[in-house]
Amino acid sequence: MLDFLLGLRLWQLTIVVLGIALLIGVGLSVGIRKIFRLNPTTEQADLAIDLMQVTSTYIGILLAFAGVLAWQDFRDATTAVESEAGVTSLLYRDLASYGPEMDPARTAVREYVHSVLVEAWPLLREGKRSPATEAKLLDVFDTVATVTPKDERQSAIYQEAYGQLNQLVSMRRQRLAASRQEIPPVLWIVALVGSVLTIAYAAAFVGSRYALLMISGTSLTIGLLFLFLLSVEYPFRNRNGVSNAPLVELPAHDAKAVELPRRACRLPFGAHRHGRSRLQLTGRFVGQTPVIVRREHFAGHGGRRLNDQASDLAL
């Protein structure tokens, strides 16, 4: 049942949850009154209203507390994914600025991101880690460790890249931890039982349209609270939960490199504007479009070749 609800779109989940709440609220109050043949007096109805107000206050506070916990878990999961994508982008740029010696390391980073999206993300529904993704991350460490800086510039970039790599491990652990966070089961039990008891007090109301309207409103209000909880709880299991868009968008940045406008590659002063140009495309990211663009200008009349390397926009 829970998997069915978590697999619904938000508008579908809204209809189902509010419909169930309304059905339970009205059906429970009417059913109790008919089964026990209740015919309350005015004083008894007033007492039932007072008790209902007390229980609804406590249940409302409890649901609000559960909502805060669920929202905080949802925000932590979202932040973890966005931070991991940001650190991965910085790491890749550091490796790109180091030089061609880091080409194997950049390939390892691309393979790691691909493994996160394809192999690790489905396992987050169950709060599990992917051994294959862990192996890809270790490959990044091993590949970077094989490179030895040759000057101060490379040493500075090397240290920064290792710092980003360690940060990537931390962000990954935060993502895994966020996938395992959930509201304690006892809160769900207390909230469900307390909500049913709150509606059950309405069975003592006098059977009238006013009473039916009040019961329906109370049931829908409780249903909205549970709708919020189901929308933000289980952030990686919920269809309306955390998106992997920050990681998916990483290869999208690379596609922009291919569309680099020709006017962005300006010819140096003195080169002939009628010179021909050639595009050299190398490198791929997660099986997407080429990401490294090299435009080579050839000045007219057999002049010298002018290279204009576009920046590697991969990450």
C-alpha atoms as a PDB file:
ATOM      1  CA  MET A   1       0.000   0.000   0.000  1.00  0.00           C
ATOM      2  CA  LEU A   2       2.795   2.397   0.907  1.00  0.00           C
ATOM      3  CA  ASP A   3       4.681   1.697  -2.312  1.00  0.00           C
ATOM      4  CA  PHE A   4       1.487   2.343  -4.260  1.00  0.00           C
ATOM      5  CA  LEU A   5       0.985   5.730  -2.600  1.00  0.00           C
ATOM      6  CA  LEU A   6       4.635   6.757  -3.007  1.00  0.00           C
ATOM      7  CA  GLY A   7       4.492   5.846  -6.685  1.00  0.00           C
ATOM      8  CA  LEU A   8       1.628   8.242  -7.453  1.00  0.00           C
ATOM      9  CA  ARG A   9       1.979  11.696  -8.935  1.00  0.00           C
ATOM     10  CA  LEU A  10       1.293  14.576  -6.580  1.00  0.00           C
ATOM     11  CA  TRP A  11      -2.198  15.318  -7.916  1.00  0.00           C
ATOM     12  CA  GLN A  12      -3.065  11.619  -7.822  1.00  0.00           C
ATOM     13  CA  LEU A  13      -1.739  11.299  -4.285  1.00  0.00           C
ATOM     14  CA  THR A  14      -3.796  14.330  -3.246  1.00  0.00           C
ATOM     15  CA  ILE A  15      -7.022  12.822  -4.541  1.00  0.00           C
ATOM     16  CA  VAL A  16      -6.365   9.405  -3.010  1.00  0.00           C
ATOM     17  CA  VAL A  17      -5.281  10.649   0.442  1.00  0.00           C
ATOM     18  CA  LEU A  18      -8.051  13.220   0.821  1.00  0.00           C
ATOM     19  CA  GLY A  19     -10.595  10.716  -0.491  1.00  0.00           C
ATOM     20  CA  ILE A  20      -9.489   8.089   2.021  1.00  0.00           C
ATOM     21  CA  ALA A  21      -9.517  10.624   4.861  1.00  0.00           C
ATOM     22  CA  LEU A  22     -13.016  11.818   3.982  1.00  0.00           C
ATOM     23  CA  LEU A  23     -14.305   8.269   3.591  1.00  0.00           C
ATOM     24  CA  ILE A  24     -12.843   7.136   6.913  1.00  0.00           C
ATOM     25  CA  GLY A  25     -13.996  10.226   8.780  1.00  0.00           C
ATOM     26  CA  VAL A  26     -17.607  10.224   7.595  1.00  0.00           C
ATOM     27  CA  GLY A  27     -17.912   6.445   7.511  1.00  0.00           C
ATOM     28  CA  LEU A  28     -16.429   6.013  10.988  1.00  0.00           C
ATOM     29  CA  SER A  29     -18.633   8.605  12.651  1.00  0.00           C
ATOM     30  CA  VAL A  30     -21.814   7.412  10.983  1.00  0.00           C
ATOM     31  CA  GLY A  31     -20.939   3.753  11.473  1.00  0.00           C
ATOM     32  CA  ILE A  32     -20.224   4.096  15.199  1.00  0.00           C
ATOM     33  CA  ARG A  33     -23.461   5.969  15.780  1.00  0.00           C
ATOM     34  CA  LYS A  34     -25.478   3.283  14.004  1.00  0.00           C
ATOM     35  CA  ILE A  35     -23.657   0.275  15.445  1.00  0.00           C
ATOM     36  CA  PHE A  36     -23.912   1.461  19.042  1.00  0.00           C
ATOM     37  CA  ARG A  37     -27.266   3.173  18.413  1.00  0.00           C
ATOM     38  CA  LEU A  38     -26.114   6.403  19.962  1.00  0.00           C
ATOM     39  CA  ASN A  39     -28.636   9.157  20.530  1.00  0.00           C
ATOM     40  CA  PRO A  40     -26.653  11.742  22.513  1.00  0.00           C
ATOM     41  CA  THR A  41     -28.236  14.567  24.394  1.00  0.00           C
ATOM     42  CA  THR A  42     -27.144  18.168  23.990  1.00  0.00           C
ATOM     43  CA  GLU A  43     -24.875  17.978  27.046  1.00  0.00           C
ATOM     44  CA  GLN A  44     -23.259  14.771  25.794  1.00  0.00           C
ATOM     45  CA  ALA A  45     -22.681  16.292  22.372  1.00  0.00           C
ATOM     46  CA  ASP A  46     -21.054  19.359  23.945  1.00  0.00           C
ATOM     47  CA  LEU A  47     -18.779  17.096  26.005  1.00  0.00           C
ATOM     48  CA  ALA A  48     -17.815  15.150  22.876  1.00  0.00           C
ATOM     49  CA  ILE A  49     -16.935  18.409  21.116  1.00  0.00           C
ATOM     50  CA  ASP A  50     -14.710  19.459  24.024  1.00  0.00           C
ATOM     51  CA  LEU A  51     -12.911  16.093  24.027  1.00  0.00           C
ATOM     52  CA  MET A  52     -12.496  16.258  20.285  1.00  0.00           C
ATOM     53  CA  GLN A  53     -10.879  19.673  20.551  1.00  0.00           C
ATOM     54  CA  VAL A  54      -8.410  18.417  23.163  1.00  0.00           C
ATOM     55  CA  THR A  55      -7.381  15.325  21.204  1.00  0.00           C
ATOM     56  CA  SER A  56      -7.202  17.222  17.914  1.00  0.00           C
ATOM     57  CA  THR A  57      -4.862  19.762  19.523  1.00  0.00           C
ATOM     58  CA  TYR A  58      -2.445  17.084  20.730  1.00  0.00           C
ATOM     59  CA  ILE A  59      -2.581  15.200  17.435  1.00  0.00           C
ATOM     60  CA  GLY A  60      -2.070  18.440  15.522  1.00  0.00           C
ATOM     61  CA  ILE A  61       1.060  19.220  17.541  1.00  0.00           C
ATOM     62  CA  LEU A  62       2.371  15.698  16.974  1.00  0.00           C
ATOM     63  CA  LEU A  63       1.722  15.856  13.233  1.00  0.00           C
ATOM     64  CA  ALA A  64       3.398  19.263  13.070  1.00  0.00           C
ATOM     65  CA  PHE A  65       6.455  17.833  14.823  1.00  0.00           C
ATOM     66  CA  ALA A  66       6.518  14.887  12.419  1.00  0.00           C
ATOM     67  CA  GLY A  67       6.157  17.290   9.502  1.00  0.00           C
ATOM     68  CA  VAL A  68       9.166  19.309  10.652  1.00  0.00           C
ATOM     69  CA  LEU A  69      11.262  16.139  10.913  1.00  0.00           C
ATOM     70  CA  ALA A  70      10.174  14.923   7.488  1.00  0.00           C
ATOM     71  CA  TRP A  71      10.831  18.302   5.857  1.00  0.00           C
ATOM     72  CA  GLN A  72      14.273  18.545   7.429  1.00  0.00           C
ATOM     73  CA  ASP A  73      15.145  15.076   6.138  1.00  0.00           C
ATOM     74  CA  PHE A  74      13.909  16.059   2.692  1.00  0.00           C
ATOM     75  CA  ARG A  75      16.008  19.226   2.665  1.00  0.00           C
ATOM     76  CA  ASP A  76      19.075  17.317   3.862  1.00  0.00           C
ATOM     77  CA  ALA A  77      18.668  14.816   1.031  1.00  0.00           C
ATOM     78  CA  THR A  78      18.234  17.561  -1.560  1.00  0.00           C
ATOM     79  CA  THR A  79      21.250  19.462  -0.251  1.00  0.00           C
ATOM     80  CA  ALA A  80      23.360  16.306  -0.285  1.00  0.00           C
ATOM     81  CA  VAL A  81      22.619  15.640  -3.955  1.00  0.00           C
ATOM     82  CA  GLU A  82      23.189  19.248  -4.997  1.00  0.00           C
ATOM     83  CA  SER A  83      26.428  19.444  -3.004  1.00  0.00           C
ATOM     84  CA  GLU A  84      27.722  16.217  -4.515  1.00  0.00           C
ATOM     85  CA  ALA A  85      27.018  17.508  -8.010  1.00  0.00           C
ATOM     86  CA  GLY A  86      28.735  20.810  -7.230  1.00  0.00           C
ATOM     87  CA  VAL A  87      31.842  19.168  -5.785  1.00  0.00           C
ATOM     88  CA  THR A  88      32.022  16.794  -8.760  1.00  0.00           C
ATOM     89  CA  SER A  89      31.903  19.762 -11.102  1.00  0.00           C
ATOM     90  CA  LEU A  90      34.710  21.534  -9.234  1.00  0.00           C
ATOM     91  CA  LEU A  91      36.813  18.377  -9.167  1.00  0.00           C
ATOM     92  CA  TYR A  92      36.468  17.867 -12.888  1.00  0.00           C
ATOM     93  CA  ARG A  93      37.418  21.453 -13.625  1.00  0.00           C
ATOM     94  CA  ASP A  94      40.491  21.162 -11.401  1.00  0.00           C
ATOM     95  CA  LEU A  95      41.560  18.022 -13.232  1.00  0.00           C
ATOM     96  CA  ALA A  96      40.954  19.699 -16.591  1.00  0.00           C
ATOM     97  CA  SER A  97      43.098  22.701 -15.659  1.00  0.00           C
ATOM     98  CA  TYR A  98      45.951  20.458 -14.468  1.00  0.00           C
ATOM     99  CA  GLY A  99      46.803  19.224 -17.931  1.00  0.00           C
ATOM    100  CA  PRO A 100      46.601  16.153 -20.175  1.00  0.00           C
ATOM    101  CA  GLU A 101      48.164  14.031 -17.435  1.00  0.00           C
ATOM    102  CA  MET A 102      44.763  14.053 -15.716  1.00  0.00           C
ATOM    103  CA  ASP A 103      42.786  12.819 -18.733  1.00  0.00           C
ATOM    104  CA  PRO A 104      42.477   9.299 -17.254  1.00  0.00           C
ATOM    105  CA  ALA A 105      41.308  10.823 -13.976  1.00  0.00           C
ATOM    106  CA  ARG A 106      38.633  12.855 -15.760  1.00  0.00           C
ATOM    107  CA  THR A 107      37.476   9.698 -17.491  1.00  0.00           C
ATOM    108  CA  ALA A 108      37.255   7.997 -14.106  1.00  0.00           C
ATOM    109  CA  VAL A 109      35.132  10.882 -12.779  1.00  0.00           C
ATOM    110  CA  ARG A 110      32.758  10.580 -15.734  1.00  0.00           C
ATOM    111  CA  GLU A 111      32.430   6.847 -15.127  1.00  0.00           C
ATOM    112  CA  TYR A 112      31.738   7.503 -11.449  1.00  0.00           C
ATOM    113  CA  VAL A 113      28.897   9.928 -12.225  1.00  0.00           C
ATOM    114  CA  HIS A 114      27.451   7.445 -14.713  1.00  0.00           C
ATOM    115  CA  SER A 115      27.557   4.727 -12.047  1.00  0.00           C
ATOM    116  CA  VAL A 116      25.795   6.995  -9.522  1.00  0.00           C
ATOM    117  CA  LEU A 117      22.933   7.632 -11.947  1.00  0.00           C
ATOM    118  CA  VAL A 118      22.570   4.106 -13.310  1.00  0.00           C
ATOM    119  CA  GLU A 119      23.604   1.785 -10.484  1.00  0.00           C
ATOM    120  CA  ALA A 120      23.556   3.679  -7.184  1.00  0.00           C
ATOM    121  CA  TRP A 121      20.411   5.791  -7.530  1.00  0.00           C
ATOM    122  CA  PRO A 122      17.903   2.892  -7.724  1.00  0.00           C
ATOM    123  CA  LEU A 123      19.431   1.381  -4.559  1.00  0.00           C
ATOM    124  CA  LEU A 124      18.810   4.598  -2.621  1.00  0.00           C
ATOM    125  CA  ARG A 125      15.128   3.650  -2.472  1.00  0.00           C
ATOM    126  CA  GLU A 126      16.143   0.970   0.016  1.00  0.00           C
ATOM    127  CA  GLY A 127      18.924   2.961   1.661  1.00  0.00           C
ATOM    128  CA  LYS A 128      21.601   0.685   0.216  1.00  0.00           C
ATOM    129  CA  ARG A 129      24.965   1.531  -1.276  1.00  0.00           C
ATOM    130  CA  SER A 130      26.295   0.334  -4.613  1.00  0.00           C
ATOM    131  CA  PRO A 131      29.554  -1.669  -4.503  1.00  0.00           C
ATOM    132  CA  ALA A 132      30.096  -0.905  -8.191  1.00  0.00           C
ATOM    133  CA  THR A 133      29.889   2.840  -7.543  1.00  0.00           C
ATOM    134  CA  GLU A 134      32.295   2.520  -4.643  1.00  0.00           C
ATOM    135  CA  ALA A 135      34.744   0.783  -6.963  1.00  0.00           C
ATOM    136  CA  LYS A 136      34.416   3.633  -9.468  1.00  0.00           C
ATOM    137  CA  LEU A 137      35.183   6.156  -6.745  1.00  0.00           C
ATOM    138  CA  LEU A 138      38.258   4.203  -5.693  1.00  0.00           C
ATOM    139  CA  ASP A 139      39.360   4.219  -9.323  1.00  0.00           C
ATOM    140  CA  VAL A 140      39.272   8.019  -9.251  1.00  0.00           C
ATOM    141  CA  PHE A 141      41.525   8.050  -6.183  1.00  0.00           C
ATOM    142  CA  ASP A 142      43.921   5.529  -7.695  1.00  0.00           C
ATOM    143  CA  THR A 143      44.106   7.362 -11.012  1.00  0.00           C
ATOM    144  CA  VAL A 144      44.775  10.738  -9.415  1.00  0.00           C
ATOM    145  CA  ALA A 145      47.416   9.186  -7.150  1.00  0.00           C
ATOM    146  CA  THR A 146      49.437   7.971 -10.158  1.00  0.00           C
ATOM    147  CA  VAL A 147      50.096  11.565 -11.258  1.00  0.00           C
ATOM    148  CA  THR A 148      53.107  13.415  -9.820  1.00  0.00           C
ATOM    149  CA  PRO A 149      53.140  17.240  -9.956  1.00  0.00           C
ATOM    150  CA  LYS A 150      56.139  18.719 -11.797  1.00  0.00           C
ATOM    151  CA  ASP A 151      55.992  22.354 -10.699  1.00  0.00           C
ATOM    152  CA  GLU A 152      54.363  24.668  -8.181  1.00  0.00           C
ATOM    153  CA  ARG A 153      51.345  25.318 -10.395  1.00  0.00           C
ATOM    154  CA  GLN A 154      50.560  21.633 -10.755  1.00  0.00           C
ATOM    155  CA  SER A 155      51.196  21.076  -7.048  1.00  0.00           C
ATOM    156  CA  ALA A 156      48.640  23.739  -6.121  1.00  0.00           C
ATOM    157  CA  ILE A 157      46.037  22.317  -8.511  1.00  0.00           C
ATOM    158  CA  TYR A 158      46.838  18.786  -7.329  1.00  0.00           C
ATOM    159  CA  GLN A 159      46.213  19.675  -3.700  1.00  0.00           C
ATOM    160  CA  GLU A 160      42.964  21.436  -4.588  1.00  0.00           C
ATOM    161  CA  ALA A 161      41.802  18.437  -6.634  1.00  0.00           C
ATOM    162  CA  TYR A 162      42.532  16.071  -3.764  1.00  0.00           C
ATOM    163  CA  GLY A 163      40.618  18.372  -1.429  1.00  0.00           C
ATOM    164  CA  GLN A 164      37.598  18.271  -3.759  1.00  0.00           C
ATOM    165  CA  LEU A 165      37.930  14.497  -4.032  1.00  0.00           C
ATOM    166  CA  ASN A 166      37.828  14.093  -0.260  1.00  0.00           C
ATOM    167  CA  GLN A 167      34.845  16.442  -0.170  1.00  0.00           C
ATOM    168  CA  LEU A 168      33.149  14.265  -2.783  1.00  0.00           C
ATOM    169  CA  VAL A 169      33.474  11.260  -0.484  1.00  0.00           C
ATOM    170  CA  SER A 170      31.884  13.267   2.338  1.00  0.00           C
ATOM    171  CA  MET A 171      28.985  14.415   0.144  1.00  0.00           C
ATOM    172  CA  ARG A 172      28.409  10.856  -1.021  1.00  0.00           C
ATOM    173  CA  ARG A 173      28.189   9.639   2.570  1.00  0.00           C
ATOM    174  CA  GLN A 174      25.698  12.391   3.340  1.00  0.00           C
ATOM    175  CA  ARG A 175      23.557  11.274   0.410  1.00  0.00           C
ATOM    176  CA  LEU A 176      23.594   7.690   1.663  1.00  0.00           C
ATOM    177  CA  ALA A 177      22.758   8.810   5.197  1.00  0.00           C
ATOM    178  CA  ALA A 178      19.864  10.934   3.914  1.00  0.00           C
ATOM    179  CA  SER A 179      18.409   7.932   2.103  1.00  0.00           C
ATOM    180  CA  ARG A 180      18.105   6.087   5.427  1.00  0.00           C
ATOM    181  CA  GLN A 181      16.422   8.840   7.401  1.00  0.00           C
ATOM    182  CA  GLU A 182      12.723   8.448   8.135  1.00  0.00           C
ATOM    183  CA  ILE A 183      10.084   9.308  10.697  1.00  0.00           C
ATOM    184  CA  PRO A 184      10.117   6.830  13.611  1.00  0.00           C
ATOM    185  CA  PRO A 185       7.340   4.223  13.210  1.00  0.00           C
ATOM    186  CA  VAL A 186       5.943   5.094  16.641  1.00  0.00           C
ATOM    187  CA  LEU A 187       5.098   8.593  15.383  1.00  0.00           C
ATOM    188  CA  TRP A 188       3.145   7.118  12.471  1.00  0.00           C
ATOM    189  CA  ILE A 189       1.254   4.790  14.830  1.00  0.00           C
ATOM    190  CA  VAL A 190       0.390   7.523  17.311  1.00  0.00           C
ATOM    191  CA  ALA A 191      -0.629   9.916  14.533  1.00  0.00           C
ATOM    192  CA  LEU A 192      -2.896   7.370  12.813  1.00  0.00           C
ATOM    193  CA  VAL A 193      -4.538   6.078  16.006  1.00  0.00           C
ATOM    194  CA  GLY A 194      -4.952   9.594  17.410  1.00  0.00           C
ATOM    195  CA  SER A 195      -6.552  10.798  14.179  1.00  0.00           C
ATOM    196  CA  VAL A 196      -9.031   7.934  14.223  1.00  0.00           C
ATOM    197  CA  LEU A 197      -9.929   8.681  17.845  1.00  0.00           C
ATOM    198  CA  THR A 198     -10.407  12.349  17.024  1.00  0.00           C
ATOM    199  CA  ILE A 199     -12.906  11.485  14.306  1.00  0.00           C
ATOM    200  CA  ALA A 200     -14.548   8.845  16.515  1.00  0.00           C
ATOM    201  CA  TYR A 201     -15.590  11.540  19.002  1.00  0.00           C
ATOM    202  CA  ALA A 202     -17.677  12.993  16.212  1.00  0.00           C
ATOM    203  CA  ALA A 203     -19.924   9.942  16.497  1.00  0.00           C
ATOM    204  CA  ALA A 204     -21.539  11.623  19.492  1.00  0.00           C
ATOM    205  CA  PHE A 205     -22.630  14.600  17.377  1.00  0.00           C
ATOM    206  CA  VAL A 206     -26.240  15.032  16.480  1.00  0.00           C
ATOM    207  CA  GLY A 207     -26.903  13.730  12.995  1.00  0.00           C
ATOM    208  CA  SER A 208     -27.352  16.891  10.971  1.00  0.00           C
ATOM    209  CA  ARG A 209     -25.901  18.576   7.915  1.00  0.00           C
ATOM    210  CA  TYR A 210     -23.913  20.898  10.125  1.00  0.00           C
ATOM    211  CA  ALA A 211     -22.361  17.959  11.974  1.00  0.00           C
ATOM    212  CA  LEU A 212     -21.597  16.179   8.682  1.00  0.00           C
ATOM    213  CA  LEU A 213     -19.954  19.317   7.313  1.00  0.00           C
ATOM    214  CA  MET A 214     -17.823  19.728  10.440  1.00  0.00           C
ATOM    215  CA  ILE A 215     -16.748  16.075  10.369  1.00  0.00           C
ATOM    216  CA  SER A 216     -15.847  16.337   6.691  1.00  0.00           C
ATOM    217  CA  GLY A 217     -13.782  19.470   7.275  1.00  0.00           C
ATOM    218  CA  THR A 218     -11.902  17.874  10.166  1.00  0.00           C
ATOM    219  CA  SER A 219     -11.218  14.746   8.125  1.00  0.00           C
ATOM    220  CA  LEU A 220      -9.884  16.744   5.169  1.00  0.00           C
ATOM    221  CA  THR A 221      -7.651  18.793   7.470  1.00  0.00           C
ATOM    222  CA  ILE A 222      -6.089  15.656   8.914  1.00  0.00           C
ATOM    223  CA  GLY A 223      -5.805  14.244   5.401  1.00  0.00           C
ATOM    224  CA  LEU A 224      -3.847  17.311   4.268  1.00  0.00           C
ATOM    225  CA  LEU A 225      -1.354  16.789   7.084  1.00  0.00           C
ATOM    226  CA  PHE A 226      -0.804  13.174   6.062  1.00  0.00           C
ATOM    227  CA  LEU A 227      -0.538  14.269   2.430  1.00  0.00           C
ATOM    228  CA  PHE A 228       2.342  16.558   3.361  1.00  0.00           C
ATOM    229  CA  LEU A 229       4.081  13.782   5.279  1.00  0.00           C
ATOM    230  CA  LEU A 230       3.764  11.328   2.402  1.00  0.00           C
ATOM    231  CA  SER A 231       5.038  13.950  -0.052  1.00  0.00           C
ATOM    232  CA  VAL A 232       8.314  14.624   1.769  1.00  0.00           C
ATOM    233  CA  GLU A 233       8.926  11.361   3.626  1.00  0.00           C
ATOM    234  CA  TYR A 234      11.165   8.736   2.000  1.00  0.00           C
ATOM    235  CA  PRO A 235      12.933  11.312  -0.208  1.00  0.00           C
ATOM    236  CA  PHE A 236      14.572   8.758  -2.518  1.00  0.00           C
ATOM    237  CA  ARG A 237      11.670   6.307  -2.521  1.00  0.00           C
ATOM    238  CA  ASN A 238       8.982   8.860  -3.217  1.00  0.00           C
ATOM    239  CA  ARG A 239       8.069   9.715  -6.795  1.00  0.00           C
ATOM    240  CA  ASN A 240       7.662  13.327  -5.665  1.00  0.00           C
ATOM    241  CA  GLY A 241      10.888  13.197  -3.679  1.00  0.00           C
ATOM    242  CA  VAL A 242      14.470  14.233  -4.359  1.00  0.00           C
ATOM    243  CA  SER A 243      15.416  14.557  -8.011  1.00  0.00           C
ATOM    244  CA  ASN A 244      18.695  13.445  -9.546  1.00  0.00           C
ATOM    245  CA  ALA A 245      18.551  16.449 -11.890  1.00  0.00           C
ATOM    246  CA  PRO A 246      21.710  18.081 -10.441  1.00  0.00           C
ATOM    247  CA  LEU A 247      23.698  15.014 -11.461  1.00  0.00           C
ATOM    248  CA  VAL A 248      21.865  14.503 -14.740  1.00  0.00           C
ATOM    249  CA  GLU A 249      22.489  18.122 -15.698  1.00  0.00           C
ATOM    250  CA  LEU A 250      26.254  17.644 -15.510  1.00  0.00           C
ATOM    251  CA  PRO A 251      26.472  16.160 -19.025  1.00  0.00           C
ATOM    252  CA  ALA A 252      24.028  18.831 -20.236  1.00  0.00           C
ATOM    253  CA  HIS A 253      26.678  21.483 -19.558  1.00  0.00           C
ATOM    254  CA  ASP A 254      29.005  19.635 -21.885  1.00  0.00           C
ATOM    255  CA  ALA A 255      26.579  19.755 -24.775  1.00  0.00           C
ATOM    256  CA  LYS A 256      26.880  23.552 -24.700  1.00  0.00           C
ATOM    257  CA  ALA A 257      30.554  23.243 -25.606  1.00  0.00           C
ATOM    258  CA  VAL A 258      29.653  21.761 -28.956  1.00  0.00           C
ATOM    259  CA  GLU A 259      27.343  24.674 -29.650  1.00  0.00           C
ATOM    260  CA  LEU A 260      30.077  27.205 -28.959  1.00  0.00           C
ATOM    261  CA  PRO A 261      29.380  30.069 -31.413  1.00  0.00           C
ATOM    262  CA  ARG A 262      32.034  30.728 -34.005  1.00  0.00           C
ATOM    263  CA  ARG A 263      32.308  34.361 -32.999  1.00  0.00           C
ATOM    264  CA  ALA A 264      33.483  33.255 -29.562  1.00  0.00           C
ATOM    265  CA  CYS A 265      36.766  32.105 -31.111  1.00  0.00           C
ATOM    266  CA  ARG A 266      38.291  35.370 -32.224  1.00  0.00           C
ATOM    267  CA  LEU A 267      41.169  35.455 -34.648  1.00  0.00           C
ATOM    268  CA  PRO A 268      44.301  37.266 -33.468  1.00  0.00           C
ATOM    269  CA  PHE A 269      45.108  40.631 -34.974  1.00  0.00           C
ATOM    270  CA  GLY A 270      46.563  40.218 -38.449  1.00  0.00           C
ATOM    271  CA  ALA A 271      44.942  36.878 -39.273  1.00  0.00           C
ATOM    272  CA  HIS A 272      42.839  36.732 -42.413  1.00  0.00           C
ATOM    273  CA  ARG A 273      39.102  36.587 -41.760  1.00  0.00           C
ATOM    274  CA  HIS A 274      38.566  34.435 -44.809  1.00  0.00           C
ATOM    275  CA  GLY A 275      40.687  31.664 -43.309  1.00  0.00           C
ATOM    276  CA  ARG A 276      39.083  28.254 -43.024  1.00  0.00           C
ATOM    277  CA  SER A 277      38.362  26.550 -39.706  1.00  0.00           C
ATOM    278  CA  ARG A 278      38.128  22.992 -38.524  1.00  0.00           C
ATOM    279  CA  LEU A 279      36.425  21.493 -35.482  1.00  0.00           C
ATOM    280  CA  GLN A 280      38.095  18.748 -33.551  1.00  0.00           C
ATOM    281  CA  LEU A 281      35.801  16.921 -31.133  1.00  0.00           C
ATOM    282  CA  THR A 282      37.302  14.694 -28.485  1.00  0.00           C
ATOM    283  CA  GLY A 283      36.184  13.185 -25.213  1.00  0.00           C
ATOM    284  CA  ARG A 284      32.747  12.004 -24.103  1.00  0.00           C
ATOM    285  CA  PHE A 285      30.755  12.276 -20.911  1.00  0.00           C
ATOM    286  CA  VAL A 286      28.424   9.461 -19.860  1.00  0.00           C
ATOM    287  CA  GLY A 287      27.845   8.477 -23.454  1.00  0.00           C
ATOM    288  CA  GLN A 288      26.565  11.932 -24.368  1.00  0.00           C
ATOM    289  CA  THR A 289      27.684  14.413 -26.998  1.00  0.00           C
ATOM    290  CA  PRO A 290      31.391  15.286 -27.328  1.00  0.00           C
ATOM    291  CA  VAL A 291      32.453  17.712 -24.668  1.00  0.00           C
ATOM    292  CA  ILE A 292      35.911  18.977 -25.594  1.00  0.00           C
ATOM    293  CA  VAL A 293      35.988  21.324 -28.515  1.00  0.00           C
ATOM    294  CA  ARG A 294      39.135  22.439 -30.299  1.00  0.00           C
ATOM    295  CA  ARG A 295      38.772  24.970 -33.072  1.00  0.00           C
ATOM    296  CA  GLU A 296      41.794  25.319 -35.320  1.00  0.00           C
ATOM    297  CA  HIS A 297      41.954  28.378 -37.568  1.00  0.00           C
ATOM    298  CA  PHE A 298      44.099  28.334 -40.674  1.00  0.00           C
ATOM    299  CA  ALA A 299      44.995  31.748 -42.018  1.00  0.00           C
ATOM    300  CA  GLY A 300      44.501  32.223 -45.731  1.00  0.00           C
ATOM    301  CA  HIS A 301      47.214  31.927 -48.352  1.00  0.00           C
ATOM    302  CA  GLY A 302      49.016  29.146 -46.474  1.00  0.00           C
ATOM    303  CA  GLY A 303      49.615  31.251 -43.356  1.00  0.00           C
ATOM    304  CA  ARG A 304      50.463  29.853 -39.942  1.00  0.00           C
ATOM    305  CA  ARG A 305      47.947  27.751 -38.013  1.00  0.00           C
ATOM    306  CA  LEU A 306      46.171  29.469 -35.111  1.00  0.00           C
ATOM    307  CA  ASN A 307      44.746  27.312 -32.331  1.00  0.00           C
ATOM    308  CA  ASP A 308      41.879  28.416 -30.142  1.00  0.00           C
ATOM    309  CA  GLN A 309      41.092  25.798 -27.523  1.00  0.00           C
ATOM    310  CA  ALA A 310      37.624  26.130 -26.069  1.00  0.00           C
ATOM    311  CA  SER A 311      37.477  25.527 -22.363  1.00  0.00           C
ATOM    312  CA  ASP A 312      36.479  22.065 -21.286  1.00  0.00           C
ATOM    313  CA  LEU A 313      32.919  22.607 -20.102  1.00  0.00           C
ATOM    314  CA  ALA A 314      32.378  19.019 -19.090  1.00  0.00           C
ATOM    315  CA  LEU A 315      31.745  19.594 -15.443  1.00  0.00           C
END
